[in-house]
């Protein structure tokens, strides 16, 4: 599959599993985005109040932007670069295998488990 683009409004949820594509873009408002065993060269996830949950291993250069009280929970992210930001929600990553990771939260907690590569927190 070349590209996957999903946009959900209101409380609509998105679940993507066992897929491989070049580019994956998911945007939600209040709904939950669940990614399980996803492999993509470039992965962009944005939520304006929902949850982002990554189960299993998610491969690729990843950008996750979660605004308001959105939370991001990650089992394992693997890629050259990972950028995850929250505003007032928890950012929890069990395992990061990256060359470089940038993790930021305006007011929420950041909890990390096993981390490999250069990590910058803000």
C-alpha atoms as a PDB file:
ATOM      1  CA  UNK A   1       0.000   0.000   0.000  1.00  0.00           C
ATOM      2  CA  UNK A   2       1.352   3.403  -0.935  1.00  0.00           C
ATOM      3  CA  UNK A   3      -0.361   5.896   1.422  1.00  0.00           C
ATOM      4  CA  UNK A   4      -2.965   5.695   4.160  1.00  0.00           C
ATOM      5  CA  UNK A   5      -4.856   8.860   5.144  1.00  0.00           C
ATOM      6  CA  UNK A   6      -7.582   8.717   7.806  1.00  0.00           C
ATOM      7  CA  UNK A   7      -9.436  11.677   9.290  1.00  0.00           C
ATOM      8  CA  UNK A   8     -12.057  11.264  12.015  1.00  0.00           C
ATOM      9  CA  UNK A   9     -14.281  13.952  13.515  1.00  0.00           C
ATOM     10  CA  UNK A  10     -16.108  14.127  16.841  1.00  0.00           C
ATOM     11  CA  UNK A  11     -15.528  11.042  18.975  1.00  0.00           C
ATOM     12  CA  UNK A  12     -14.814   8.735  16.026  1.00  0.00           C
ATOM     13  CA  UNK A  13     -12.049   6.204  16.737  1.00  0.00           C
ATOM     14  CA  UNK A  14      -9.446   4.751  14.383  1.00  0.00           C
ATOM     15  CA  UNK A  15      -7.769   1.336  14.621  1.00  0.00           C
ATOM     16  CA  UNK A  16      -4.998   0.406  12.202  1.00  0.00           C
ATOM     17  CA  UNK A  17      -3.271  -2.955  12.572  1.00  0.00           C
ATOM     18  CA  UNK A  18      -0.917  -5.260  10.697  1.00  0.00           C
ATOM     19  CA  UNK A  19      -0.297  -2.857   7.823  1.00  0.00           C
ATOM     20  CA  UNK A  20       2.694  -1.679   5.832  1.00  0.00           C
ATOM     21  CA  UNK A  21       2.647   1.527   3.777  1.00  0.00           C
ATOM     22  CA  UNK A  22       4.892   4.371   2.608  1.00  0.00           C
ATOM     23  CA  UNK A  23       3.088   7.186   4.416  1.00  0.00           C
ATOM     24  CA  UNK A  24       0.455   6.956   7.147  1.00  0.00           C
ATOM     25  CA  UNK A  25      -1.481  10.014   8.345  1.00  0.00           C
ATOM     26  CA  UNK A  26      -4.170   9.814  11.037  1.00  0.00           C
ATOM     27  CA  UNK A  27      -6.077  12.795  12.435  1.00  0.00           C
ATOM     28  CA  UNK A  28      -8.757  12.610  15.136  1.00  0.00           C
ATOM     29  CA  UNK A  29     -10.616  15.082  17.318  1.00  0.00           C
ATOM     30  CA  UNK A  30     -11.861  13.395  20.544  1.00  0.00           C
ATOM     31  CA  UNK A  31     -11.536   9.790  19.361  1.00  0.00           C
ATOM     32  CA  UNK A  32      -8.878   7.219  20.143  1.00  0.00           C
ATOM     33  CA  UNK A  33      -6.231   6.204  17.590  1.00  0.00           C
ATOM     34  CA  UNK A  34      -4.940   2.659  18.031  1.00  0.00           C
ATOM     35  CA  UNK A  35      -1.978   1.471  15.970  1.00  0.00           C
ATOM     36  CA  UNK A  36      -0.864  -2.129  16.251  1.00  0.00           C
ATOM     37  CA  UNK A  37       2.041  -3.642  14.324  1.00  0.00           C
ATOM     38  CA  UNK A  38       2.273  -0.826  11.775  1.00  0.00           C
ATOM     39  CA  UNK A  39       5.255  -0.278   9.467  1.00  0.00           C
ATOM     40  CA  UNK A  40       5.544   2.977   7.525  1.00  0.00           C
ATOM     41  CA  UNK A  41       8.366   5.150   6.230  1.00  0.00           C
ATOM     42  CA  UNK A  42       6.624   8.253   7.606  1.00  0.00           C
ATOM     43  CA  UNK A  43       3.907   8.163  10.236  1.00  0.00           C
ATOM     44  CA  UNK A  44       1.990  11.260  11.366  1.00  0.00           C
ATOM     45  CA  UNK A  45      -0.669  11.101  14.080  1.00  0.00           C
ATOM     46  CA  UNK A  46      -2.540  14.110  15.393  1.00  0.00           C
ATOM     47  CA  UNK A  47      -5.332  14.316  17.973  1.00  0.00           C
ATOM     48  CA  UNK A  48      -7.113  17.298  19.482  1.00  0.00           C
ATOM     49  CA  UNK A  49      -8.377  15.590  22.635  1.00  0.00           C
ATOM     50  CA  UNK A  50      -8.349  11.844  22.090  1.00  0.00           C
ATOM     51  CA  UNK A  51      -5.877   9.122  22.982  1.00  0.00           C
ATOM     52  CA  UNK A  52      -3.060   7.696  20.886  1.00  0.00           C
ATOM     53  CA  UNK A  53      -2.200   4.080  21.700  1.00  0.00           C
ATOM     54  CA  UNK A  54       0.610   2.190  19.957  1.00  0.00           C
ATOM     55  CA  UNK A  55       0.520  -1.560  20.578  1.00  0.00           C
ATOM     56  CA  UNK A  56       3.176  -4.048  19.590  1.00  0.00           C
ATOM     57  CA  UNK A  57       5.897  -2.466  17.453  1.00  0.00           C
ATOM     58  CA  UNK A  58       5.293   0.615  15.329  1.00  0.00           C
ATOM     59  CA  UNK A  59       8.099   1.141  12.777  1.00  0.00           C
ATOM     60  CA  UNK A  60       8.926   4.354  10.945  1.00  0.00           C
ATOM     61  CA  UNK A  61       9.864   7.979  11.319  1.00  0.00           C
ATOM     62  CA  UNK A  62       7.060   9.055  13.602  1.00  0.00           C
ATOM     63  CA  UNK A  63       5.426  12.374  14.518  1.00  0.00           C
ATOM     64  CA  UNK A  64       2.690  12.286  17.167  1.00  0.00           C
ATOM     65  CA  UNK A  65       1.033  15.551  18.218  1.00  0.00           C
ATOM     66  CA  UNK A  66      -1.564  15.374  20.988  1.00  0.00           C
ATOM     67  CA  UNK A  67      -3.203  18.611  22.102  1.00  0.00           C
ATOM     68  CA  UNK A  68      -5.426  19.480  25.077  1.00  0.00           C
ATOM     69  CA  UNK A  69      -5.609  16.590  27.610  1.00  0.00           C
ATOM     70  CA  UNK A  70      -4.756  13.903  25.042  1.00  0.00           C
ATOM     71  CA  UNK A  71      -2.585  11.006  26.207  1.00  0.00           C
ATOM     72  CA  UNK A  72      -0.014   9.025  24.236  1.00  0.00           C
ATOM     73  CA  UNK A  73       0.843   5.449  25.265  1.00  0.00           C
ATOM     74  CA  UNK A  74       3.494   3.508  23.360  1.00  0.00           C
ATOM     75  CA  UNK A  75       4.613  -0.125  23.654  1.00  0.00           C
ATOM     76  CA  UNK A  76       7.515   0.112  21.182  1.00  0.00           C
ATOM     77  CA  UNK A  77       8.456   2.754  18.604  1.00  0.00           C
ATOM     78  CA  UNK A  78      11.306   2.008  16.233  1.00  0.00           C
ATOM     79  CA  UNK A  79      12.665   4.399  13.594  1.00  0.00           C
ATOM     80  CA  UNK A  80      15.363   6.907  12.731  1.00  0.00           C
ATOM     81  CA  UNK A  81      13.513   9.862  14.249  1.00  0.00           C
ATOM     82  CA  UNK A  82      10.575  10.055  16.628  1.00  0.00           C
ATOM     83  CA  UNK A  83       8.861  13.283  17.694  1.00  0.00           C
ATOM     84  CA  UNK A  84       6.067  13.057  20.296  1.00  0.00           C
ATOM     85  CA  UNK A  85       4.407  16.062  21.915  1.00  0.00           C
ATOM     86  CA  UNK A  86       1.526  16.469  24.343  1.00  0.00           C
ATOM     87  CA  UNK A  87       0.032  19.511  26.043  1.00  0.00           C
ATOM     88  CA  UNK A  88      -1.674  18.477  29.299  1.00  0.00           C
ATOM     89  CA  UNK A  89      -1.732  14.702  28.893  1.00  0.00           C
ATOM     90  CA  UNK A  90       0.528  11.822  29.890  1.00  0.00           C
ATOM     91  CA  UNK A  91       3.199  10.653  27.462  1.00  0.00           C
ATOM     92  CA  UNK A  92       4.227   7.076  28.321  1.00  0.00           C
ATOM     93  CA  UNK A  93       6.698   5.079  26.226  1.00  0.00           C
ATOM     94  CA  UNK A  94       7.763   1.572  27.291  1.00  0.00           C
ATOM     95  CA  UNK A  95      10.422   1.186  24.597  1.00  0.00           C
ATOM     96  CA  UNK A  96      12.060   3.538  22.071  1.00  0.00           C
ATOM     97  CA  UNK A  97      14.589   2.254  19.509  1.00  0.00           C
ATOM     98  CA  UNK A  98      15.589   5.360  17.568  1.00  0.00           C
ATOM     99  CA  UNK A  99      18.585   7.320  16.397  1.00  0.00           C
ATOM    100  CA  UNK A 100      16.991  10.456  17.836  1.00  0.00           C
ATOM    101  CA  UNK A 101      13.815  11.120  19.803  1.00  0.00           C
ATOM    102  CA  UNK A 102      12.287  14.455  20.777  1.00  0.00           C
ATOM    103  CA  UNK A 103       9.646  14.204  23.508  1.00  0.00           C
ATOM    104  CA  UNK A 104       7.812  17.233  24.858  1.00  0.00           C
ATOM    105  CA  UNK A 105       4.892  18.056  27.115  1.00  0.00           C
ATOM    106  CA  UNK A 106       3.631  21.470  28.158  1.00  0.00           C
ATOM    107  CA  UNK A 107       2.076  20.316  31.440  1.00  0.00           C
ATOM    108  CA  UNK A 108       1.733  16.513  31.350  1.00  0.00           C
ATOM    109  CA  UNK A 109       4.054  13.844  32.703  1.00  0.00           C
ATOM    110  CA  UNK A 110       6.573  11.957  30.564  1.00  0.00           C
ATOM    111  CA  UNK A 111       7.303   8.353  31.594  1.00  0.00           C
ATOM    112  CA  UNK A 112       9.982   6.353  29.776  1.00  0.00           C
ATOM    113  CA  UNK A 113      11.041   2.733  29.980  1.00  0.00           C
ATOM    114  CA  UNK A 114      13.833   1.314  27.833  1.00  0.00           C
ATOM    115  CA  UNK A 115      15.347   3.954  25.543  1.00  0.00           C
ATOM    116  CA  UNK A 116      17.990   3.467  22.839  1.00  0.00           C
ATOM    117  CA  UNK A 117      19.484   6.410  20.933  1.00  0.00           C
ATOM    118  CA  UNK A 118      19.642  10.136  21.601  1.00  0.00           C
ATOM    119  CA  UNK A 119      16.635  11.498  23.500  1.00  0.00           C
ATOM    120  CA  UNK A 120      15.731  15.145  24.022  1.00  0.00           C
ATOM    121  CA  UNK A 121      12.953  16.019  26.489  1.00  0.00           C
ATOM    122  CA  UNK A 122      11.328  19.398  26.834  1.00  0.00           C
END
